[in-house]
Amino acid sequence: MAIHQAIGRALAIAASGLILSACGTTQMNMINVQNSTAKTLGLGSSDEITIANIQYGQKNALGGQQVKYDATTGKGRHFTCTVFMIPGLTPINPPTYNDWECHPK
């Protein structure tokens, strides 16, 4: 009887791990967003950027989605920015970002 319980627990743990590994994170890392936005705008430091009004688009079949946000520089210039965010493969892996674009408002 004890062997059956041990096998059942092992299978439950393996199934839980498999389920969790399929759930990639889609939480934006704001430090990466600020740094990349500053580079896109040609600024010397991400301290000069304020990010606001983050809007997540519809997820595609692989979980990737378009993210739109407003960026304001320290001198008061306003931009509308977009990036395509791809979730990490596991909850531990951070998402990756592609196609950064910023346009003046």
PDB file of N, CA and C in Angstrom:
ATOM      1  N   MET A   1       0.819  -1.188   0.000  1.00  0.00           N
ATOM      2  CA  MET A   1       0.000   0.000   0.000  1.00  0.00           C
ATOM      3  C   MET A   1       0.873   1.266   0.000  1.00  0.00           C
ATOM      4  N   ALA A   2       1.988   1.246   0.742  1.00  0.00           N
ATOM      5  CA  ALA A   2       2.869   2.409   0.827  1.00  0.00           C
ATOM      6  C   ALA A   2       3.521   2.706  -0.524  1.00  0.00           C
ATOM      7  N   ILE A   3       3.808   1.667  -1.283  1.00  0.00           N
ATOM      8  CA  ILE A   3       4.426   1.869  -2.595  1.00  0.00           C
ATOM      9  C   ILE A   3       3.445   2.570  -3.523  1.00  0.00           C
ATOM     10  N   HIS A   4       2.178   2.200  -3.461  1.00  0.00           N
ATOM     11  CA  HIS A   4       1.176   2.826  -4.307  1.00  0.00           C
ATOM     12  C   HIS A   4       1.008   4.306  -3.960  1.00  0.00           C
ATOM     13  N   GLN A   5       1.068   4.626  -2.679  1.00  0.00           N
ATOM     14  CA  GLN A   5       0.969   6.033  -2.262  1.00  0.00           C
ATOM     15  C   GLN A   5       2.179   6.820  -2.745  1.00  0.00           C
ATOM     16  N   ALA A   6       3.356   6.233  -2.649  1.00  0.00           N
ATOM     17  CA  ALA A   6       4.572   6.912  -3.089  1.00  0.00           C
ATOM     18  C   ALA A   6       4.538   7.156  -4.596  1.00  0.00           C
ATOM     19  N   ILE A   7       4.080   6.164  -5.350  1.00  0.00           N
ATOM     20  CA  ILE A   7       3.982   6.319  -6.801  1.00  0.00           C
ATOM     21  C   ILE A   7       2.941   7.384  -7.138  1.00  0.00           C
ATOM     22  N   GLY A   8       1.817   7.389  -6.429  1.00  0.00           N
ATOM     23  CA  GLY A   8       0.783   8.401  -6.654  1.00  0.00           C
ATOM     24  C   GLY A   8       1.292   9.805  -6.374  1.00  0.00           C
ATOM     25  N   ARG A   9       2.038   9.969  -5.292  1.00  0.00           N
ATOM     26  CA  ARG A   9       2.613  11.291  -4.971  1.00  0.00           C
ATOM     27  C   ARG A   9       3.615  11.719  -6.037  1.00  0.00           C
ATOM     28  N   ALA A  10       4.450  10.778  -6.472  1.00  0.00           N
ATOM     29  CA  ALA A  10       5.442  11.113  -7.497  1.00  0.00           C
ATOM     30  C   ALA A  10       4.759  11.546  -8.794  1.00  0.00           C
ATOM     31  N   LEU A  11       3.707  10.855  -9.166  1.00  0.00           N
ATOM     32  CA  LEU A  11       2.974  11.234 -10.374  1.00  0.00           C
ATOM     33  C   LEU A  11       2.302  12.597 -10.214  1.00  0.00           C
ATOM     34  N   ALA A  12       1.759  12.867  -9.024  1.00  0.00           N
ATOM     35  CA  ALA A  12       1.120  14.168  -8.780  1.00  0.00           C
ATOM     36  C   ALA A  12       2.138  15.296  -8.854  1.00  0.00           C
ATOM     37  N   ILE A  13       3.319  15.080  -8.298  1.00  0.00           N
ATOM     38  CA  ILE A  13       4.372  16.100  -8.340  1.00  0.00           C
ATOM     39  C   ILE A  13       4.838  16.319  -9.782  1.00  0.00           C
ATOM     40  N   ALA A  14       5.002  15.229 -10.527  1.00  0.00           N
ATOM     41  CA  ALA A  14       5.429  15.356 -11.928  1.00  0.00           C
ATOM     42  C   ALA A  14       4.371  16.086 -12.753  1.00  0.00           C
ATOM     43  N   ALA A  15       3.101  15.782 -12.518  1.00  0.00           N
ATOM     44  CA  ALA A  15       2.029  16.459 -13.261  1.00  0.00           C
ATOM     45  C   ALA A  15       1.981  17.940 -12.911  1.00  0.00           C
ATOM     46  N   SER A  16       2.166  18.268 -11.645  1.00  0.00           N
ATOM     47  CA  SER A  16       2.177  19.681 -11.229  1.00  0.00           C
ATOM     48  C   SER A  16       3.331  20.428 -11.883  1.00  0.00           C
ATOM     49  N   GLY A  17       4.492  19.809 -11.917  1.00  0.00           N
ATOM     50  CA  GLY A  17       5.647  20.438 -12.563  1.00  0.00           C
ATOM     51  C   GLY A  17       5.430  20.655 -14.036  1.00  0.00           C
ATOM     52  N   LEU A  18       4.810  19.694 -14.697  1.00  0.00           N
ATOM     53  CA  LEU A  18       4.525  19.823 -16.119  1.00  0.00           C
ATOM     54  C   LEU A  18       3.539  20.955 -16.390  1.00  0.00           C
ATOM     55  N   ILE A  19       2.521  21.058 -15.557  1.00  0.00           N
ATOM     56  CA  ILE A  19       1.529  22.127 -15.716  1.00  0.00           C
ATOM     57  C   ILE A  19       2.175  23.487 -15.498  1.00  0.00           C
ATOM     58  N   LEU A  20       2.993  23.617 -14.447  1.00  0.00           N
ATOM     59  CA  LEU A  20       3.640  24.901 -14.172  1.00  0.00           C
ATOM     60  C   LEU A  20       4.646  25.280 -15.251  1.00  0.00           C
ATOM     61  N   SER A  21       5.312  24.289 -15.829  1.00  0.00           N
ATOM     62  CA  SER A  21       6.314  24.610 -16.854  1.00  0.00           C
ATOM     63  C   SER A  21       5.670  25.136 -18.126  1.00  0.00           C
ATOM     64  N   ALA A  22       4.409  24.842 -18.332  1.00  0.00           N
ATOM     65  CA  ALA A  22       3.709  25.332 -19.520  1.00  0.00           C
ATOM     66  C   ALA A  22       3.222  26.764 -19.356  1.00  0.00           C
ATOM     67  N   CYS A  23       3.320  27.295 -18.164  1.00  0.00           N
ATOM     68  CA  CYS A  23       2.812  28.640 -17.884  1.00  0.00           C
ATOM     69  C   CYS A  23       3.967  29.618 -17.837  1.00  0.00           C
ATOM     70  N   GLY A  24       4.278  30.257 -18.947  1.00  0.00           N
ATOM     71  CA  GLY A  24       5.341  31.253 -18.978  1.00  0.00           C
ATOM     72  C   GLY A  24       4.861  32.569 -18.402  1.00  0.00           C
ATOM     73  N   THR A  25       5.791  33.351 -17.918  1.00  0.00           N
ATOM     74  CA  THR A  25       5.434  34.631 -17.318  1.00  0.00           C
ATOM     75  C   THR A  25       5.201  35.686 -18.393  1.00  0.00           C
ATOM     76  N   THR A  26       4.188  36.516 -18.186  1.00  0.00           N
ATOM     77  CA  THR A  26       3.920  37.621 -19.108  1.00  0.00           C
ATOM     78  C   THR A  26       3.976  38.954 -18.370  1.00  0.00           C
ATOM     79  N   GLN A  27       4.586  38.962 -17.202  1.00  0.00           N
ATOM     80  CA  GLN A  27       4.727  40.193 -16.439  1.00  0.00           C
ATOM     81  C   GLN A  27       5.892  40.991 -17.010  1.00  0.00           C
ATOM     82  N   MET A  28       5.631  42.239 -17.385  1.00  0.00           N
ATOM     83  CA  MET A  28       6.682  43.079 -17.956  1.00  0.00           C
ATOM     84  C   MET A  28       7.695  43.479 -16.893  1.00  0.00           C
ATOM     85  N   ASN A  29       8.960  43.416 -17.247  1.00  0.00           N
ATOM     86  CA  ASN A  29      10.032  43.885 -16.382  1.00  0.00           C
ATOM     87  C   ASN A  29      10.230  45.366 -16.696  1.00  0.00           C
ATOM     88  N   MET A  30       9.782  46.231 -15.804  1.00  0.00           N
ATOM     89  CA  MET A  30       9.781  47.664 -16.085  1.00  0.00           C
ATOM     90  C   MET A  30      11.183  48.246 -16.228  1.00  0.00           C
ATOM     91  N   ILE A  31      12.173  47.655 -15.590  1.00  0.00           N
ATOM     92  CA  ILE A  31      13.549  48.140 -15.753  1.00  0.00           C
ATOM     93  C   ILE A  31      14.005  47.915 -17.194  1.00  0.00           C
ATOM     94  N   ASN A  32      13.712  46.714 -17.732  1.00  0.00           N
ATOM     95  CA  ASN A  32      14.064  46.441 -19.137  1.00  0.00           C
ATOM     96  C   ASN A  32      13.297  47.355 -20.077  1.00  0.00           C
ATOM     97  N   VAL A  33      12.022  47.586 -19.784  1.00  0.00           N
ATOM     98  CA  VAL A  33      11.205  48.451 -20.631  1.00  0.00           C
ATOM     99  C   VAL A  33      11.775  49.869 -20.629  1.00  0.00           C
ATOM    100  N   GLN A  34      12.112  50.397 -19.466  1.00  0.00           N
ATOM    101  CA  GLN A  34      12.677  51.754 -19.400  1.00  0.00           C
ATOM    102  C   GLN A  34      14.008  51.838 -20.128  1.00  0.00           C
ATOM    103  N   ASN A  35      14.886  50.859 -19.920  1.00  0.00           N
ATOM    104  CA  ASN A  35      16.196  50.868 -20.590  1.00  0.00           C
ATOM    105  C   ASN A  35      16.046  50.805 -22.103  1.00  0.00           C
ATOM    106  N   SER A  36      15.211  49.900 -22.592  1.00  0.00           N
ATOM    107  CA  SER A  36      15.035  49.759 -24.044  1.00  0.00           C
ATOM    108  C   SER A  36      14.340  50.965 -24.658  1.00  0.00           C
ATOM    109  N   THR A  37      13.408  51.551 -23.927  1.00  0.00           N
ATOM    110  CA  THR A  37      12.734  52.752 -24.435  1.00  0.00           C
ATOM    111  C   THR A  37      13.725  53.907 -24.531  1.00  0.00           C
ATOM    112  N   ALA A  38      14.580  54.047 -23.525  1.00  0.00           N
ATOM    113  CA  ALA A  38      15.597  55.100 -23.566  1.00  0.00           C
ATOM    114  C   ALA A  38      16.527  54.912 -24.757  1.00  0.00           C
ATOM    115  N   LYS A  39      16.941  53.672 -25.024  1.00  0.00           N
ATOM    116  CA  LYS A  39      17.803  53.399 -26.182  1.00  0.00           C
ATOM    117  C   LYS A  39      17.071  53.702 -27.490  1.00  0.00           C
ATOM    118  N   THR A  40      15.790  53.311 -27.565  1.00  0.00           N
ATOM    119  CA  THR A  40      15.002  53.556 -28.773  1.00  0.00           C
ATOM    120  C   THR A  40      14.881  55.050 -29.059  1.00  0.00           C
ATOM    121  N   LEU A  41      14.740  55.850 -28.005  1.00  0.00           N
ATOM    122  CA  LEU A  41      14.589  57.297 -28.162  1.00  0.00           C
ATOM    123  C   LEU A  41      15.932  58.020 -28.236  1.00  0.00           C
ATOM    124  N   GLY A  42      17.029  57.296 -28.057  1.00  0.00           N
ATOM    125  CA  GLY A  42      18.351  57.901 -28.131  1.00  0.00           C
ATOM    126  C   GLY A  42      18.736  58.687 -26.897  1.00  0.00           C
ATOM    127  N   LEU A  43      18.173  58.333 -25.761  1.00  0.00           N
ATOM    128  CA  LEU A  43      18.503  59.035 -24.512  1.00  0.00           C
ATOM    129  C   LEU A  43      19.682  58.357 -23.829  1.00  0.00           C
ATOM    130  N   GLY A  44      20.390  59.106 -23.026  1.00  0.00           N
ATOM    131  CA  GLY A  44      21.570  58.585 -22.346  1.00  0.00           C
ATOM    132  C   GLY A  44      21.260  57.745 -21.128  1.00  0.00           C
ATOM    133  N   SER A  45      20.097  57.933 -20.534  1.00  0.00           N
ATOM    134  CA  SER A  45      19.786  57.226 -19.296  1.00  0.00           C
ATOM    135  C   SER A  45      18.297  56.905 -19.224  1.00  0.00           C
ATOM    136  N   SER A  46      17.980  55.775 -18.610  1.00  0.00           N
ATOM    137  CA  SER A  46      16.568  55.418 -18.436  1.00  0.00           C
ATOM    138  C   SER A  46      15.922  56.229 -17.319  1.00  0.00           C
ATOM    139  N   ASP A  47      16.730  56.960 -16.548  1.00  0.00           N
ATOM    140  CA  ASP A  47      16.182  57.833 -15.499  1.00  0.00           C
ATOM    141  C   ASP A  47      15.379  58.977 -16.096  1.00  0.00           C
ATOM    142  N   GLU A  48      15.592  59.250 -17.376  1.00  0.00           N
ATOM    143  CA  GLU A  48      14.899  60.349 -18.044  1.00  0.00           C
ATOM    144  C   GLU A  48      13.536  59.948 -18.593  1.00  0.00           C
ATOM    145  N   ILE A  49      13.091  58.704 -18.344  1.00  0.00           N
ATOM    146  CA  ILE A  49      11.850  58.175 -18.922  1.00  0.00           C
ATOM    147  C   ILE A  49      10.835  57.851 -17.834  1.00  0.00           C
ATOM    148  N   THR A  50       9.587  58.218 -18.091  1.00  0.00           N
ATOM    149  CA  THR A  50       8.472  57.790 -17.256  1.00  0.00           C
ATOM    150  C   THR A  50       7.529  56.983 -18.139  1.00  0.00           C
ATOM    151  N   ILE A  51       7.171  55.778 -17.671  1.00  0.00           N
ATOM    152  CA  ILE A  51       6.286  54.884 -18.416  1.00  0.00           C
ATOM    153  C   ILE A  51       4.896  54.934 -17.779  1.00  0.00           C
ATOM    154  N   ALA A  52       3.848  55.037 -18.610  1.00  0.00           N
ATOM    155  CA  ALA A  52       2.475  55.082 -18.092  1.00  0.00           C
ATOM    156  C   ALA A  52       1.518  54.471 -19.101  1.00  0.00           C
ATOM    157  N   ASN A  53       0.296  54.231 -18.671  1.00  0.00           N
ATOM    158  CA  ASN A  53      -0.807  53.792 -19.537  1.00  0.00           C
ATOM    159  C   ASN A  53      -0.454  52.535 -20.335  1.00  0.00           C
ATOM    160  N   ILE A  54      -0.028  51.483 -19.645  1.00  0.00           N
ATOM    161  CA  ILE A  54       0.346  50.226 -20.301  1.00  0.00           C
ATOM    162  C   ILE A  54      -0.919  49.471 -20.691  1.00  0.00           C
ATOM    163  N   GLN A  55      -1.001  49.083 -21.968  1.00  0.00           N
ATOM    164  CA  GLN A  55      -2.162  48.349 -22.480  1.00  0.00           C
ATOM    165  C   GLN A  55      -1.683  47.088 -23.181  1.00  0.00           C
ATOM    166  N   TYR A  56      -2.175  45.941 -22.715  1.00  0.00           N
ATOM    167  CA  TYR A  56      -1.799  44.656 -23.293  1.00  0.00           C
ATOM    168  C   TYR A  56      -2.791  44.284 -24.391  1.00  0.00           C
ATOM    169  N   GLY A  57      -2.281  43.848 -25.538  1.00  0.00           N
ATOM    170  CA  GLY A  57      -3.132  43.430 -26.643  1.00  0.00           C
ATOM    171  C   GLY A  57      -3.558  41.978 -26.502  1.00  0.00           C
ATOM    172  N   GLN A  58      -4.249  41.498 -27.509  1.00  0.00           N
ATOM    173  CA  GLN A  58      -4.723  40.115 -27.538  1.00  0.00           C
ATOM    174  C   GLN A  58      -3.540  39.164 -27.695  1.00  0.00           C
ATOM    175  N   LYS A  59      -3.531  38.067 -26.941  1.00  0.00           N
ATOM    176  CA  LYS A  59      -2.463  37.075 -27.063  1.00  0.00           C
ATOM    177  C   LYS A  59      -2.663  36.245 -28.321  1.00  0.00           C
ATOM    178  N   ASN A  60      -1.534  35.901 -28.974  1.00  0.00           N
ATOM    179  CA  ASN A  60      -1.614  35.016 -30.136  1.00  0.00           C
ATOM    180  C   ASN A  60      -1.543  33.565 -29.668  1.00  0.00           C
ATOM    181  N   ALA A  61      -1.472  32.625 -30.594  1.00  0.00           N
ATOM    182  CA  ALA A  61      -1.506  31.200 -30.256  1.00  0.00           C
ATOM    183  C   ALA A  61      -0.339  30.769 -29.374  1.00  0.00           C
ATOM    184  N   LEU A  62       0.797  31.442 -29.477  1.00  0.00           N
ATOM    185  CA  LEU A  62       1.961  31.088 -28.673  1.00  0.00           C
ATOM    186  C   LEU A  62       2.091  31.928 -27.406  1.00  0.00           C
ATOM    187  N   GLY A  63       1.122  32.787 -27.142  1.00  0.00           N
ATOM    188  CA  GLY A  63       1.144  33.596 -25.928  1.00  0.00           C
ATOM    189  C   GLY A  63       1.772  34.966 -26.097  1.00  0.00           C
ATOM    190  N   GLY A  64       2.342  35.250 -27.265  1.00  0.00           N
ATOM    191  CA  GLY A  64       2.931  36.565 -27.506  1.00  0.00           C
ATOM    192  C   GLY A  64       1.845  37.612 -27.670  1.00  0.00           C
ATOM    193  N   GLN A  65       2.162  38.842 -27.294  1.00  0.00           N
ATOM    194  CA  GLN A  65       1.178  39.902 -27.426  1.00  0.00           C
ATOM    195  C   GLN A  65       1.832  41.254 -27.620  1.00  0.00           C
ATOM    196  N   GLN A  66       1.112  42.131 -28.295  1.00  0.00           N
ATOM    197  CA  GLN A  66       1.551  43.509 -28.508  1.00  0.00           C
ATOM    198  C   GLN A  66       1.252  44.302 -27.234  1.00  0.00           C
ATOM    199  N   VAL A  67       2.205  45.095 -26.798  1.00  0.00           N
ATOM    200  CA  VAL A  67       2.024  45.942 -25.625  1.00  0.00           C
ATOM    201  C   VAL A  67       2.230  47.390 -26.054  1.00  0.00           C
ATOM    202  N   LYS A  68       1.291  48.251 -25.687  1.00  0.00           N
ATOM    203  CA  LYS A  68       1.345  49.663 -26.031  1.00  0.00           C
ATOM    204  C   LYS A  68       1.438  50.461 -24.735  1.00  0.00           C
ATOM    205  N   TYR A  69       2.271  51.499 -24.728  1.00  0.00           N
ATOM    206  CA  TYR A  69       2.413  52.321 -23.531  1.00  0.00           C
ATOM    207  C   TYR A  69       2.848  53.728 -23.918  1.00  0.00           C
ATOM    208  N   ASP A  70       2.692  54.642 -22.965  1.00  0.00           N
ATOM    209  CA  ASP A  70       3.113  56.029 -23.165  1.00  0.00           C
ATOM    210  C   ASP A  70       4.432  56.254 -22.434  1.00  0.00           C
ATOM    211  N   ALA A  71       5.335  56.961 -23.080  1.00  0.00           N
ATOM    212  CA  ALA A  71       6.617  57.313 -22.475  1.00  0.00           C
ATOM    213  C   ALA A  71       6.763  58.831 -22.496  1.00  0.00           C
ATOM    214  N   THR A  72       7.215  59.370 -21.389  1.00  0.00           N
ATOM    215  CA  THR A  72       7.449  60.808 -21.280  1.00  0.00           C
ATOM    216  C   THR A  72       8.892  61.027 -20.858  1.00  0.00           C
ATOM    217  N   THR A  73       9.591  61.896 -21.585  1.00  0.00           N
ATOM    218  CA  THR A  73      10.991  62.177 -21.247  1.00  0.00           C
ATOM    219  C   THR A  73      11.051  63.216 -20.138  1.00  0.00           C
ATOM    220  N   GLY A  74      12.224  63.365 -19.587  1.00  0.00           N
ATOM    221  CA  GLY A  74      12.440  64.356 -18.541  1.00  0.00           C
ATOM    222  C   GLY A  74      12.208  65.778 -19.017  1.00  0.00           C
ATOM    223  N   LYS A  75      12.318  66.018 -20.322  1.00  0.00           N
ATOM    224  CA  LYS A  75      12.092  67.350 -20.893  1.00  0.00           C
ATOM    225  C   LYS A  75      10.644  67.558 -21.320  1.00  0.00           C
ATOM    226  N   GLY A  76       9.774  66.555 -21.032  1.00  0.00           N
ATOM    227  CA  GLY A  76       8.357  66.721 -21.314  1.00  0.00           C
ATOM    228  C   GLY A  76       7.876  66.262 -22.679  1.00  0.00           C
ATOM    229  N   ARG A  77       8.739  65.624 -23.465  1.00  0.00           N
ATOM    230  CA  ARG A  77       8.292  65.100 -24.757  1.00  0.00           C
ATOM    231  C   ARG A  77       7.498  63.818 -24.533  1.00  0.00           C
ATOM    232  N   HIS A  78       6.396  63.642 -25.256  1.00  0.00           N
ATOM    233  CA  HIS A  78       5.510  62.496 -25.083  1.00  0.00           C
ATOM    234  C   HIS A  78       5.580  61.583 -26.302  1.00  0.00           C
ATOM    235  N   PHE A  79       5.646  60.279 -26.060  1.00  0.00           N
ATOM    236  CA  PHE A  79       5.720  59.283 -27.116  1.00  0.00           C
ATOM    237  C   PHE A  79       4.735  58.158 -26.841  1.00  0.00           C
ATOM    238  N   THR A  80       4.213  57.569 -27.912  1.00  0.00           N
ATOM    239  CA  THR A  80       3.440  56.341 -27.832  1.00  0.00           C
ATOM    240  C   THR A  80       4.362  55.233 -28.313  1.00  0.00           C
ATOM    241  N   CYS A  81       4.554  54.219 -27.480  1.00  0.00           N
ATOM    242  CA  CYS A  81       5.498  53.152 -27.804  1.00  0.00           C
ATOM    243  C   CYS A  81       4.788  51.806 -27.857  1.00  0.00           C
ATOM    244  N   THR A  82       5.313  50.921 -28.680  1.00  0.00           N
ATOM    245  CA  THR A  82       4.799  49.555 -28.759  1.00  0.00           C
ATOM    246  C   THR A  82       5.971  48.583 -28.755  1.00  0.00           C
ATOM    247  N   VAL A  83       5.700  47.387 -28.260  1.00  0.00           N
ATOM    248  CA  VAL A  83       6.683  46.313 -28.252  1.00  0.00           C
ATOM    249  C   VAL A  83       5.916  44.996 -28.315  1.00  0.00           C
ATOM    250  N   PHE A  84       6.526  43.985 -28.941  1.00  0.00           N
ATOM    251  CA  PHE A  84       5.919  42.661 -28.968  1.00  0.00           C
ATOM    252  C   PHE A  84       6.579  41.838 -27.879  1.00  0.00           C
ATOM    253  N   MET A  85       5.784  41.346 -26.932  1.00  0.00           N
ATOM    254  CA  MET A  85       6.298  40.605 -25.782  1.00  0.00           C
ATOM    255  C   MET A  85       5.999  39.122 -25.953  1.00  0.00           C
ATOM    256  N   ILE A  86       7.033  38.290 -25.801  1.00  0.00           N
ATOM    257  CA  ILE A  86       6.900  36.839 -25.883  1.00  0.00           C
ATOM    258  C   ILE A  86       7.163  36.289 -24.484  1.00  0.00           C
ATOM    259  N   PRO A  87       6.221  35.502 -23.924  1.00  0.00           N
ATOM    260  CA  PRO A  87       6.404  35.016 -22.554  1.00  0.00           C
ATOM    261  C   PRO A  87       7.583  34.059 -22.443  1.00  0.00           C
ATOM    262  N   GLY A  88       8.141  33.968 -21.227  1.00  0.00           N
ATOM    263  CA  GLY A  88       9.201  33.004 -20.963  1.00  0.00           C
ATOM    264  C   GLY A  88       8.658  31.590 -21.073  1.00  0.00           C
ATOM    265  N   LEU A  89       9.542  30.634 -21.308  1.00  0.00           N
ATOM    266  CA  LEU A  89       9.105  29.253 -21.466  1.00  0.00           C
ATOM    267  C   LEU A  89       8.654  28.619 -20.157  1.00  0.00           C
ATOM    268  N   THR A  90       9.196  29.081 -19.052  1.00  0.00           N
ATOM    269  CA  THR A  90       8.796  28.587 -17.739  1.00  0.00           C
ATOM    270  C   THR A  90       8.503  29.797 -16.854  1.00  0.00           C
ATOM    271  N   PRO A  91       7.875  29.595 -15.717  1.00  0.00           N
ATOM    272  CA  PRO A  91       7.627  30.741 -14.828  1.00  0.00           C
ATOM    273  C   PRO A  91       8.901  31.435 -14.347  1.00  0.00           C
ATOM    274  N   ILE A  92      10.027  30.746 -14.429  1.00  0.00           N
ATOM    275  CA  ILE A  92      11.301  31.325 -13.984  1.00  0.00           C
ATOM    276  C   ILE A  92      11.905  32.223 -15.060  1.00  0.00           C
ATOM    277  N   ASN A  93      11.694  31.875 -16.336  1.00  0.00           N
ATOM    278  CA  ASN A  93      12.271  32.638 -17.440  1.00  0.00           C
ATOM    279  C   ASN A  93      11.520  33.942 -17.666  1.00  0.00           C
ATOM    280  N   PRO A  94      12.239  35.045 -17.832  1.00  0.00           N
ATOM    281  CA  PRO A  94      11.572  36.321 -18.109  1.00  0.00           C
ATOM    282  C   PRO A  94      11.084  36.374 -19.556  1.00  0.00           C
ATOM    283  N   PRO A  95      10.117  37.238 -19.835  1.00  0.00           N
ATOM    284  CA  PRO A  95       9.680  37.382 -21.226  1.00  0.00           C
ATOM    285  C   PRO A  95      10.762  38.057 -22.066  1.00  0.00           C
ATOM    286  N   THR A  96      10.667  37.878 -23.375  1.00  0.00           N
ATOM    287  CA  THR A  96      11.561  38.577 -24.297  1.00  0.00           C
ATOM    288  C   THR A  96      10.740  39.601 -25.072  1.00  0.00           C
ATOM    289  N   TYR A  97      11.422  40.621 -25.579  1.00  0.00           N
ATOM    290  CA  TYR A  97      10.756  41.727 -26.256  1.00  0.00           C
ATOM    291  C   TYR A  97      11.355  41.912 -27.642  1.00  0.00           C
ATOM    292  N   ASN A  98      10.505  42.197 -28.626  1.00  0.00           N
ATOM    293  CA  ASN A  98      10.950  42.423 -30.006  1.00  0.00           C
ATOM    294  C   ASN A  98      10.224  43.648 -30.583  1.00  0.00           C
ATOM    295  N   ASP A  99      10.830  44.231 -31.598  1.00  0.00           N
ATOM    296  CA  ASP A  99      10.201  45.299 -32.391  1.00  0.00           C
ATOM    297  C   ASP A  99       9.800  46.523 -31.570  1.00  0.00           C
ATOM    298  N   TRP A 100      10.747  47.108 -30.860  1.00  0.00           N
ATOM    299  CA  TRP A 100      10.473  48.330 -30.107  1.00  0.00           C
ATOM    300  C   TRP A 100      10.224  49.467 -31.087  1.00  0.00           C
ATOM    301  N   GLU A 101       9.161  50.215 -30.888  1.00  0.00           N
ATOM    302  CA  GLU A 101       8.874  51.400 -31.694  1.00  0.00           C
ATOM    303  C   GLU A 101       8.293  52.486 -30.801  1.00  0.00           C
ATOM    304  N   CYS A 102       8.735  53.715 -31.030  1.00  0.00           N
ATOM    305  CA  CYS A 102       8.181  54.872 -30.324  1.00  0.00           C
ATOM    306  C   CYS A 102       7.930  55.989 -31.336  1.00  0.00           C
ATOM    307  N   HIS A 103       6.777  56.606 -31.230  1.00  0.00           N
ATOM    308  CA  HIS A 103       6.408  57.698 -32.139  1.00  0.00           C
ATOM    309  C   HIS A 103       5.905  58.884 -31.301  1.00  0.00           C
ATOM    310  N   PRO A 104       6.251  60.107 -31.719  1.00  0.00           N
ATOM    311  CA  PRO A 104       5.776  61.285 -30.967  1.00  0.00           C
ATOM    312  C   PRO A 104       4.251  61.349 -30.951  1.00  0.00           C
ATOM    313  N   LYS A 105       3.732  61.840 -29.850  1.00  0.00           N
ATOM    314  CA  LYS A 105       2.262  62.020 -29.733  1.00  0.00           C
ATOM    315  C   LYS A 105       1.860  63.324 -30.369  1.00  0.00           C
TER     316      LYS A 105
END
